[in-house]
Amino acid sequence: MQTFQQLDNQLRSCGTRRRIAAVCVYDDATREALRQAEEVADAVYVDADTPEAAAAKAVALIRNGEADVLMKGLIGTDQLLRAVLNKETGLMPTQASPVLTHLAAAEIPGHDKLLFFTDAAVIPYPTHEQRIAQVRYAVNTLHALGIDEPRIALIHCAEHGGKAFPFVDGYADIKRMAAEGAFGACRVDGPLDVKTACSPQALAAKHLTSPLEGQADVLVFPDIEAGNAFYKTLTLFTRTRTAGMLCGAQAPVVVPSRGDSVESKLNSIRFALACIA
């Protein structure tokens, strides 16, 4: 999967139209992104007397099978997520500790495929259980996109842990789970830094070997600070195109920033739709 255009082509070829419940679409960018997505999906514009009521109404459409993707317009992310996370009327699975996390995709100039990463927006400091969920969601998403054996890199600043970074100890457990088939077909390795995860040359220069072979599809960042800094650096200093959605709910949730471009919002719509096409 090299470009967002491939996602669009995949959607056009699948022959299935989906429905997007778009909440409080008062801005031109969201409206235009939905218009451009009309060839592959129908937009249901959801409004009400208050943003909270609109969010609850849109979530109900998903629960009732009347929409397939939830999308944020000019409503606070916290207002939308309260409706998603509501224990009685929301969209979270009924398991004891459901996890909602952000998965981004990036089309980076000079890189030969889309690069996915988690979590740059939702979970500040993932617990071991939350990191396991991040890996599972990433693998499931890439399988849905047609990537049969995604390569998942557990990111750190070096290829070893130490007392200052106790969370790295959990990486070995996640690798063991992957080897035992807990996530389905995938390769998981770490700790790796971004360069050794994504560059065969960097891996060789450090005289390291990895089942990912320097060709990671997904970067699992240790915390939101690392993930968000990576995201902001890519988009500020390069012509990287991005998309993102929330994983873990009963349907993909698209939560673009109000400042995102039409293209970024459209790519996020494509990303979410392609995962359920």
C-alpha atoms as a PDB file:
ATOM      1  CA  MET A   1       0.000   0.000   0.000  1.00  0.00           C
ATOM      2  CA  GLN A   2       1.942   2.988  -1.279  1.00  0.00           C
ATOM      3  CA  THR A   3      -0.473   5.932  -1.530  1.00  0.00           C
ATOM      4  CA  PHE A   4      -3.832   7.233  -0.378  1.00  0.00           C
ATOM      5  CA  GLN A   5      -4.921   7.101  -3.999  1.00  0.00           C
ATOM      6  CA  GLN A   6      -4.620   3.318  -3.761  1.00  0.00           C
ATOM      7  CA  LEU A   7      -7.052   3.413  -0.847  1.00  0.00           C
ATOM      8  CA  ASP A   8      -9.446   5.385  -3.020  1.00  0.00           C
ATOM      9  CA  ASN A   9      -9.048   2.913  -5.883  1.00  0.00           C
ATOM     10  CA  GLN A  10      -9.670   0.039  -3.484  1.00  0.00           C
ATOM     11  CA  LEU A  11     -12.886   1.678  -2.287  1.00  0.00           C
ATOM     12  CA  ARG A  12     -14.125   2.290  -5.828  1.00  0.00           C
ATOM     13  CA  SER A  13     -13.487  -1.323  -6.820  1.00  0.00           C
ATOM     14  CA  CYS A  14     -15.164  -2.970  -3.817  1.00  0.00           C
ATOM     15  CA  GLY A  15     -18.667  -1.994  -4.964  1.00  0.00           C
ATOM     16  CA  THR A  16     -19.995  -1.355  -1.453  1.00  0.00           C
ATOM     17  CA  ARG A  17     -21.285   2.069  -0.446  1.00  0.00           C
ATOM     18  CA  ARG A  18     -20.875   3.024   3.190  1.00  0.00           C
ATOM     19  CA  ARG A  19     -22.507   5.721   5.296  1.00  0.00           C
ATOM     20  CA  ILE A  20     -20.721   8.373   7.331  1.00  0.00           C
ATOM     21  CA  ALA A  21     -22.432   9.939  10.337  1.00  0.00           C
ATOM     22  CA  ALA A  22     -20.826  13.404  10.321  1.00  0.00           C
ATOM     23  CA  VAL A  23     -21.415  15.453  13.471  1.00  0.00           C
ATOM     24  CA  CYS A  24     -21.835  19.250  13.400  1.00  0.00           C
ATOM     25  CA  VAL A  25     -20.562  19.842   9.870  1.00  0.00           C
ATOM     26  CA  TYR A  26     -20.418  23.636  10.009  1.00  0.00           C
ATOM     27  CA  ASP A  27     -17.029  24.155   8.336  1.00  0.00           C
ATOM     28  CA  ASP A  28     -16.226  24.283   4.646  1.00  0.00           C
ATOM     29  CA  ALA A  29     -13.278  21.863   4.837  1.00  0.00           C
ATOM     30  CA  THR A  30     -15.275  18.988   6.344  1.00  0.00           C
ATOM     31  CA  ARG A  31     -18.186  19.654   4.012  1.00  0.00           C
ATOM     32  CA  GLU A  32     -15.904  19.617   0.964  1.00  0.00           C
ATOM     33  CA  ALA A  33     -14.106  16.447   2.093  1.00  0.00           C
ATOM     34  CA  LEU A  34     -17.459  14.687   2.421  1.00  0.00           C
ATOM     35  CA  ARG A  35     -18.520  15.990  -0.985  1.00  0.00           C
ATOM     36  CA  GLN A  36     -15.369  14.580  -2.571  1.00  0.00           C
ATOM     37  CA  ALA A  37     -16.047  11.235  -0.892  1.00  0.00           C
ATOM     38  CA  GLU A  38     -19.545  11.005  -2.386  1.00  0.00           C
ATOM     39  CA  GLU A  39     -18.487   8.528  -5.063  1.00  0.00           C
ATOM     40  CA  VAL A  40     -17.771   5.875  -2.443  1.00  0.00           C
ATOM     41  CA  ALA A  41     -19.877   6.855   0.574  1.00  0.00           C
ATOM     42  CA  ASP A  42     -23.042   8.670   1.622  1.00  0.00           C
ATOM     43  CA  ALA A  43     -22.787  11.383   4.259  1.00  0.00           C
ATOM     44  CA  VAL A  44     -25.467  11.694   6.940  1.00  0.00           C
ATOM     45  CA  TYR A  45     -25.204  15.190   8.422  1.00  0.00           C
ATOM     46  CA  VAL A  46     -26.113  15.046  12.081  1.00  0.00           C
ATOM     47  CA  ASP A  47     -27.148  18.169  13.983  1.00  0.00           C
ATOM     48  CA  ALA A  48     -29.109  18.928  17.154  1.00  0.00           C
ATOM     49  CA  ASP A  49     -29.736  21.711  19.652  1.00  0.00           C
ATOM     50  CA  THR A  50     -26.401  21.048  21.369  1.00  0.00           C
ATOM     51  CA  PRO A  51     -23.133  19.392  20.286  1.00  0.00           C
ATOM     52  CA  GLU A  52     -23.630  16.743  22.956  1.00  0.00           C
ATOM     53  CA  ALA A  53     -27.065  15.872  21.606  1.00  0.00           C
ATOM     54  CA  ALA A  54     -25.704  15.722  18.055  1.00  0.00           C
ATOM     55  CA  ALA A  55     -22.926  13.369  19.142  1.00  0.00           C
ATOM     56  CA  ALA A  56     -25.395  11.084  20.923  1.00  0.00           C
ATOM     57  CA  LYS A  57     -27.631  11.078  17.856  1.00  0.00           C
ATOM     58  CA  ALA A  58     -24.746  10.129  15.546  1.00  0.00           C
ATOM     59  CA  VAL A  59     -23.572   7.362  17.871  1.00  0.00           C
ATOM     60  CA  ALA A  60     -27.116   5.976  17.890  1.00  0.00           C
ATOM     61  CA  LEU A  61     -27.023   5.806  14.076  1.00  0.00           C
ATOM     62  CA  ILE A  62     -23.907   3.633  14.297  1.00  0.00           C
ATOM     63  CA  ARG A  63     -25.405   1.408  16.997  1.00  0.00           C
ATOM     64  CA  ASN A  64     -28.575   0.935  14.963  1.00  0.00           C
ATOM     65  CA  GLY A  65     -26.703  -0.008  11.805  1.00  0.00           C
ATOM     66  CA  GLU A  66     -27.726   3.167   9.981  1.00  0.00           C
ATOM     67  CA  ALA A  67     -24.143   4.407   9.543  1.00  0.00           C
ATOM     68  CA  ASP A  68     -20.721   2.771   9.335  1.00  0.00           C
ATOM     69  CA  VAL A  69     -18.220   5.520  10.203  1.00  0.00           C
ATOM     70  CA  LEU A  70     -18.413   8.338  12.750  1.00  0.00           C
ATOM     71  CA  MET A  71     -16.808  11.665  11.802  1.00  0.00           C
ATOM     72  CA  LYS A  72     -16.150  14.809  13.797  1.00  0.00           C
ATOM     73  CA  GLY A  73     -17.006  18.229  12.369  1.00  0.00           C
ATOM     74  CA  LEU A  74     -16.984  21.431  14.427  1.00  0.00           C
ATOM     75  CA  ILE A  75     -17.518  19.709  17.749  1.00  0.00           C
ATOM     76  CA  GLY A  76     -14.991  19.295  20.523  1.00  0.00           C
ATOM     77  CA  THR A  77     -13.218  15.952  20.472  1.00  0.00           C
ATOM     78  CA  ASP A  78     -14.021  15.545  24.162  1.00  0.00           C
ATOM     79  CA  GLN A  79     -17.726  16.115  23.462  1.00  0.00           C
ATOM     80  CA  LEU A  80     -17.746  13.482  20.734  1.00  0.00           C
ATOM     81  CA  LEU A  81     -15.734  10.975  22.746  1.00  0.00           C
ATOM     82  CA  ARG A  82     -18.042  11.248  25.747  1.00  0.00           C
ATOM     83  CA  ALA A  83     -20.789   9.911  23.504  1.00  0.00           C
ATOM     84  CA  VAL A  84     -18.520   7.184  22.115  1.00  0.00           C
ATOM     85  CA  LEU A  85     -17.365   6.123  25.594  1.00  0.00           C
ATOM     86  CA  ASN A  86     -20.789   6.201  27.259  1.00  0.00           C
ATOM     87  CA  LYS A  87     -21.103   2.819  28.978  1.00  0.00           C
ATOM     88  CA  GLU A  88     -24.809   2.453  28.231  1.00  0.00           C
ATOM     89  CA  THR A  89     -25.305   4.104  24.830  1.00  0.00           C
ATOM     90  CA  GLY A  90     -21.782   4.392  23.400  1.00  0.00           C
ATOM     91  CA  LEU A  91     -19.729   2.402  20.918  1.00  0.00           C
ATOM     92  CA  MET A  92     -17.196   0.609  23.073  1.00  0.00           C
ATOM     93  CA  PRO A  93     -17.135  -3.198  23.346  1.00  0.00           C
ATOM     94  CA  THR A  94     -18.531  -4.683  26.543  1.00  0.00           C
ATOM     95  CA  GLN A  95     -15.192  -6.170  27.625  1.00  0.00           C
ATOM     96  CA  ALA A  96     -13.883  -5.176  31.041  1.00  0.00           C
ATOM     97  CA  SER A  97     -11.252  -2.667  29.905  1.00  0.00           C
ATOM     98  CA  PRO A  98     -11.877  -1.527  26.329  1.00  0.00           C
ATOM     99  CA  VAL A  99      -9.118   0.548  24.719  1.00  0.00           C
ATOM    100  CA  LEU A 100      -9.595   3.494  22.375  1.00  0.00           C
ATOM    101  CA  THR A 101      -6.435   4.529  20.551  1.00  0.00           C
ATOM    102  CA  HIS A 102      -5.358   6.594  17.546  1.00  0.00           C
ATOM    103  CA  LEU A 103      -3.827   5.094  14.407  1.00  0.00           C
ATOM    104  CA  ALA A 104      -2.318   7.397  11.792  1.00  0.00           C
ATOM    105  CA  ALA A 105      -1.151   6.763   8.240  1.00  0.00           C
ATOM    106  CA  ALA A 106       1.477   8.824   6.445  1.00  0.00           C
ATOM    107  CA  GLU A 107       2.396   9.099   2.780  1.00  0.00           C
ATOM    108  CA  ILE A 108       5.983  10.342   3.099  1.00  0.00           C
ATOM    109  CA  PRO A 109       7.915  11.714   0.113  1.00  0.00           C
ATOM    110  CA  GLY A 110      10.748   9.332  -0.720  1.00  0.00           C
ATOM    111  CA  HIS A 111       9.346   6.444   1.329  1.00  0.00           C
ATOM    112  CA  ASP A 112       8.122   3.517  -0.736  1.00  0.00           C
ATOM    113  CA  LYS A 113       4.898   2.746   1.151  1.00  0.00           C
ATOM    114  CA  LEU A 114       2.395   4.167   3.590  1.00  0.00           C
ATOM    115  CA  LEU A 115       3.748   4.236   7.134  1.00  0.00           C
ATOM    116  CA  PHE A 116       1.317   3.755  10.010  1.00  0.00           C
ATOM    117  CA  PHE A 117       1.941   4.809  13.607  1.00  0.00           C
ATOM    118  CA  THR A 118       0.233   4.805  16.999  1.00  0.00           C
ATOM    119  CA  ASP A 119      -0.520   6.674  19.286  1.00  0.00           C
ATOM    120  CA  ALA A 120      -0.040  10.362  18.531  1.00  0.00           C
ATOM    121  CA  ALA A 121      -3.304  11.689  19.929  1.00  0.00           C
ATOM    122  CA  VAL A 122      -5.175   9.733  22.605  1.00  0.00           C
ATOM    123  CA  ILE A 123      -3.269   7.585  25.142  1.00  0.00           C
ATOM    124  CA  PRO A 124      -0.610   9.622  27.011  1.00  0.00           C
ATOM    125  CA  TYR A 125       1.451   6.756  28.476  1.00  0.00           C
ATOM    126  CA  PRO A 126       0.171   3.350  27.355  1.00  0.00           C
ATOM    127  CA  THR A 127       0.026   0.559  29.877  1.00  0.00           C
ATOM    128  CA  HIS A 128       1.237  -2.866  28.802  1.00  0.00           C
ATOM    129  CA  GLU A 129      -2.358  -3.928  28.167  1.00  0.00           C
ATOM    130  CA  GLN A 130      -3.039  -0.806  26.098  1.00  0.00           C
ATOM    131  CA  ARG A 131       0.104  -1.404  24.044  1.00  0.00           C
ATOM    132  CA  ILE A 132      -1.048  -4.945  23.318  1.00  0.00           C
ATOM    133  CA  ALA A 133      -4.345  -3.475  22.100  1.00  0.00           C
ATOM    134  CA  GLN A 134      -2.465  -0.978  19.913  1.00  0.00           C
ATOM    135  CA  VAL A 135      -0.587  -3.826  18.241  1.00  0.00           C
ATOM    136  CA  ARG A 136      -3.768  -5.860  17.780  1.00  0.00           C
ATOM    137  CA  TYR A 137      -5.694  -2.941  16.258  1.00  0.00           C
ATOM    138  CA  ALA A 138      -2.809  -2.100  13.930  1.00  0.00           C
ATOM    139  CA  VAL A 139      -2.500  -5.677  12.684  1.00  0.00           C
ATOM    140  CA  ASN A 140      -6.257  -6.005  12.182  1.00  0.00           C
ATOM    141  CA  THR A 141      -6.408  -2.695  10.322  1.00  0.00           C
ATOM    142  CA  LEU A 142      -3.573  -3.555   7.966  1.00  0.00           C
ATOM    143  CA  HIS A 143      -5.070  -6.973   7.310  1.00  0.00           C
ATOM    144  CA  ALA A 144      -8.283  -5.183   6.318  1.00  0.00           C
ATOM    145  CA  LEU A 145      -6.257  -3.033   3.916  1.00  0.00           C
ATOM    146  CA  GLY A 146      -4.861  -6.144   2.217  1.00  0.00           C
ATOM    147  CA  ILE A 147      -1.429  -6.228   3.888  1.00  0.00           C
ATOM    148  CA  ASP A 148      -1.126  -9.922   4.706  1.00  0.00           C
ATOM    149  CA  GLU A 149       1.815  -9.888   7.109  1.00  0.00           C
ATOM    150  CA  PRO A 150       2.305  -6.395   8.554  1.00  0.00           C
ATOM    151  CA  ARG A 151       5.619  -5.597  10.168  1.00  0.00           C
ATOM    152  CA  ILE A 152       5.186  -3.937  13.559  1.00  0.00           C
ATOM    153  CA  ALA A 153       8.059  -2.055  15.220  1.00  0.00           C
ATOM    154  CA  LEU A 154       7.992  -1.381  18.963  1.00  0.00           C
ATOM    155  CA  ILE A 155       9.800   1.951  19.075  1.00  0.00           C
ATOM    156  CA  HIS A 156      12.377   3.149  21.584  1.00  0.00           C
ATOM    157  CA  CYS A 157      15.353   5.515  21.421  1.00  0.00           C
ATOM    158  CA  ALA A 158      17.738   2.568  21.294  1.00  0.00           C
ATOM    159  CA  GLU A 159      17.753  -1.193  20.784  1.00  0.00           C
ATOM    160  CA  HIS A 160      17.812  -1.926  24.495  1.00  0.00           C
ATOM    161  CA  GLY A 161      15.894  -0.859  27.590  1.00  0.00           C
ATOM    162  CA  GLY A 162      17.320  -0.243  31.014  1.00  0.00           C
ATOM    163  CA  LYS A 163      16.084   0.865  34.430  1.00  0.00           C
ATOM    164  CA  ALA A 164      15.078   4.294  33.109  1.00  0.00           C
ATOM    165  CA  PHE A 165      12.676   2.723  30.601  1.00  0.00           C
ATOM    166  CA  PRO A 166      10.833  -0.113  32.378  1.00  0.00           C
ATOM    167  CA  PHE A 167       8.033  -0.223  29.780  1.00  0.00           C
ATOM    168  CA  VAL A 168      10.490  -1.748  27.293  1.00  0.00           C
ATOM    169  CA  ASP A 169      10.432  -4.939  29.360  1.00  0.00           C
ATOM    170  CA  GLY A 170       6.927  -5.523  28.032  1.00  0.00           C
ATOM    171  CA  TYR A 171       8.164  -5.543  24.436  1.00  0.00           C
ATOM    172  CA  ALA A 172       9.535  -9.073  24.897  1.00  0.00           C
ATOM    173  CA  ASP A 173       6.106 -10.276  26.014  1.00  0.00           C
ATOM    174  CA  ILE A 174       4.428  -8.695  22.990  1.00  0.00           C
ATOM    175  CA  LYS A 175       6.975 -10.316  20.662  1.00  0.00           C
ATOM    176  CA  ARG A 176       6.316 -13.667  22.317  1.00  0.00           C
ATOM    177  CA  MET A 177       2.563 -13.228  21.858  1.00  0.00           C
ATOM    178  CA  ALA A 178       3.080 -12.398  18.185  1.00  0.00           C
ATOM    179  CA  ALA A 179       5.278 -15.470  17.688  1.00  0.00           C
ATOM    180  CA  GLU A 180       2.542 -17.609  19.246  1.00  0.00           C
ATOM    181  CA  GLY A 181      -0.052 -16.197  16.825  1.00  0.00           C
ATOM    182  CA  ALA A 182      -1.973 -13.996  19.261  1.00  0.00           C
ATOM    183  CA  PHE A 183      -2.347 -11.229  16.667  1.00  0.00           C
ATOM    184  CA  GLY A 184      -2.634 -13.310  13.512  1.00  0.00           C
ATOM    185  CA  ALA A 185      -0.149 -13.105  10.667  1.00  0.00           C
ATOM    186  CA  CYS A 186       2.433 -10.399  11.438  1.00  0.00           C
ATOM    187  CA  ARG A 187       6.034  -9.755  12.393  1.00  0.00           C
ATOM    188  CA  VAL A 188       6.761  -7.857  15.593  1.00  0.00           C
ATOM    189  CA  ASP A 189      10.137  -6.674  16.819  1.00  0.00           C
ATOM    190  CA  GLY A 190      11.597  -4.179  19.241  1.00  0.00           C
ATOM    191  CA  PRO A 191      12.941  -2.209  20.832  1.00  0.00           C
ATOM    192  CA  LEU A 192      14.025  -0.488  17.628  1.00  0.00           C
ATOM    193  CA  ASP A 193      14.578   3.158  16.879  1.00  0.00           C
ATOM    194  CA  VAL A 194      12.762   4.721  13.922  1.00  0.00           C
ATOM    195  CA  LYS A 195      15.787   4.461  11.636  1.00  0.00           C
ATOM    196  CA  THR A 196      16.505   0.776  12.266  1.00  0.00           C
ATOM    197  CA  ALA A 197      12.783   0.045  11.983  1.00  0.00           C
ATOM    198  CA  CYS A 198      12.407   1.767   8.611  1.00  0.00           C
ATOM    199  CA  SER A 199      15.826   1.588   6.955  1.00  0.00           C
ATOM    200  CA  PRO A 200      17.648  -1.621   5.981  1.00  0.00           C
ATOM    201  CA  GLN A 201      20.793   0.487   5.627  1.00  0.00           C
ATOM    202  CA  ALA A 202      20.545   1.808   9.182  1.00  0.00           C
ATOM    203  CA  LEU A 203      19.933  -1.710  10.474  1.00  0.00           C
ATOM    204  CA  ALA A 204      23.003  -3.012   8.666  1.00  0.00           C
ATOM    205  CA  ALA A 205      25.134  -0.058   9.799  1.00  0.00           C
ATOM    206  CA  LYS A 206      24.447  -1.009  13.413  1.00  0.00           C
ATOM    207  CA  HIS A 207      25.177  -4.681  12.665  1.00  0.00           C
ATOM    208  CA  LEU A 208      21.703  -5.636  13.789  1.00  0.00           C
ATOM    209  CA  THR A 209      19.277  -8.229  12.484  1.00  0.00           C
ATOM    210  CA  SER A 210      15.504  -8.014  12.719  1.00  0.00           C
ATOM    211  CA  PRO A 211      12.576  -9.961  11.295  1.00  0.00           C
ATOM    212  CA  LEU A 212      11.286  -6.589  10.087  1.00  0.00           C
ATOM    213  CA  GLU A 213      14.415  -6.180   7.918  1.00  0.00           C
ATOM    214  CA  GLY A 214      14.218  -2.398   8.229  1.00  0.00           C
ATOM    215  CA  GLN A 215      10.849  -2.338   6.455  1.00  0.00           C
ATOM    216  CA  ALA A 216       8.334  -1.619   9.217  1.00  0.00           C
ATOM    217  CA  ASP A 217       4.727  -0.960   8.254  1.00  0.00           C
ATOM    218  CA  VAL A 218       3.696   0.248  11.722  1.00  0.00           C
ATOM    219  CA  LEU A 219       5.550   2.170  14.420  1.00  0.00           C
ATOM    220  CA  VAL A 220       4.203   1.687  17.957  1.00  0.00           C
ATOM    221  CA  PHE A 221       5.514   4.662  19.905  1.00  0.00           C
ATOM    222  CA  PRO A 222       6.266   4.411  23.642  1.00  0.00           C
ATOM    223  CA  ASP A 223       4.077   7.406  24.522  1.00  0.00           C
ATOM    224  CA  ILE A 224       2.057  10.280  23.092  1.00  0.00           C
ATOM    225  CA  GLU A 225       5.001  12.683  23.351  1.00  0.00           C
ATOM    226  CA  ALA A 226       7.131  10.630  20.960  1.00  0.00           C
ATOM    227  CA  GLY A 227       4.226   9.859  18.629  1.00  0.00           C
ATOM    228  CA  ASN A 228       2.955  13.431  18.458  1.00  0.00           C
ATOM    229  CA  ALA A 229       6.428  14.884  17.962  1.00  0.00           C
ATOM    230  CA  PHE A 230       6.993  12.441  15.079  1.00  0.00           C
ATOM    231  CA  TYR A 231       3.662  13.413  13.512  1.00  0.00           C
ATOM    232  CA  LYS A 232       4.205  17.162  13.847  1.00  0.00           C
ATOM    233  CA  THR A 233       7.790  16.933  12.563  1.00  0.00           C
ATOM    234  CA  LEU A 234       6.715  15.022   9.445  1.00  0.00           C
ATOM    235  CA  THR A 235       3.929  17.430   8.595  1.00  0.00           C
ATOM    236  CA  LEU A 236       5.919  20.602   9.331  1.00  0.00           C
ATOM    237  CA  PHE A 237       9.193  19.842   7.568  1.00  0.00           C
ATOM    238  CA  THR A 238       8.116  17.541   4.716  1.00  0.00           C
ATOM    239  CA  ARG A 239       5.238  17.304   2.264  1.00  0.00           C
ATOM    240  CA  THR A 240       3.879  14.287   4.082  1.00  0.00           C
ATOM    241  CA  ARG A 241       0.183  13.586   3.590  1.00  0.00           C
ATOM    242  CA  THR A 242      -1.593  12.088   6.588  1.00  0.00           C
ATOM    243  CA  ALA A 243      -4.768  10.388   7.718  1.00  0.00           C
ATOM    244  CA  GLY A 244      -5.963   9.155  11.077  1.00  0.00           C
ATOM    245  CA  MET A 245      -8.764   7.481  12.958  1.00  0.00           C
ATOM    246  CA  LEU A 246      -9.628   6.037  16.340  1.00  0.00           C
ATOM    247  CA  CYS A 247      -9.566   2.259  16.740  1.00  0.00           C
ATOM    248  CA  GLY A 248     -11.266   0.173  19.392  1.00  0.00           C
ATOM    249  CA  ALA A 249     -14.875   1.324  19.028  1.00  0.00           C
ATOM    250  CA  GLN A 250     -17.572  -0.608  17.180  1.00  0.00           C
ATOM    251  CA  ALA A 251     -16.907   1.572  14.121  1.00  0.00           C
ATOM    252  CA  PRO A 252     -13.995   3.721  12.918  1.00  0.00           C
ATOM    253  CA  VAL A 253     -14.077   7.236  14.372  1.00  0.00           C
ATOM    254  CA  VAL A 254     -12.555  10.056  12.296  1.00  0.00           C
ATOM    255  CA  VAL A 255     -11.482  12.952  14.515  1.00  0.00           C
ATOM    256  CA  PRO A 256      -9.621  15.496  12.356  1.00  0.00           C
ATOM    257  CA  SER A 257      -8.390  18.748  13.808  1.00  0.00           C
ATOM    258  CA  ARG A 258     -10.480  21.784  12.899  1.00  0.00           C
ATOM    259  CA  GLY A 259      -7.374  23.149  11.190  1.00  0.00           C
ATOM    260  CA  ASP A 260      -6.818  20.104   8.965  1.00  0.00           C
ATOM    261  CA  SER A 261      -6.978  20.601   5.220  1.00  0.00           C
ATOM    262  CA  VAL A 262      -9.651  19.192   2.937  1.00  0.00           C
ATOM    263  CA  GLU A 263      -7.096  16.693   1.643  1.00  0.00           C
ATOM    264  CA  SER A 264      -6.192  15.474   5.134  1.00  0.00           C
ATOM    265  CA  LYS A 265      -9.850  15.047   6.084  1.00  0.00           C
ATOM    266  CA  LEU A 266     -10.563  13.234   2.822  1.00  0.00           C
ATOM    267  CA  ASN A 267      -7.619  10.893   3.381  1.00  0.00           C
ATOM    268  CA  SER A 268      -8.923  10.106   6.868  1.00  0.00           C
ATOM    269  CA  ILE A 269     -12.336   9.285   5.405  1.00  0.00           C
ATOM    270  CA  ARG A 270     -10.694   6.986   2.835  1.00  0.00           C
ATOM    271  CA  PHE A 271      -8.627   5.331   5.582  1.00  0.00           C
ATOM    272  CA  ALA A 272     -11.663   4.634   7.755  1.00  0.00           C
ATOM    273  CA  LEU A 273     -13.808   3.388   4.882  1.00  0.00           C
ATOM    274  CA  ALA A 274     -11.070   1.138   3.488  1.00  0.00           C
ATOM    275  CA  CYS A 275     -10.817  -0.658   6.838  1.00  0.00           C
ATOM    276  CA  ILE A 276     -14.417  -1.819   6.587  1.00  0.00           C
ATOM    277  CA  ALA A 277     -14.772  -2.105   2.791  1.00  0.00           C
END
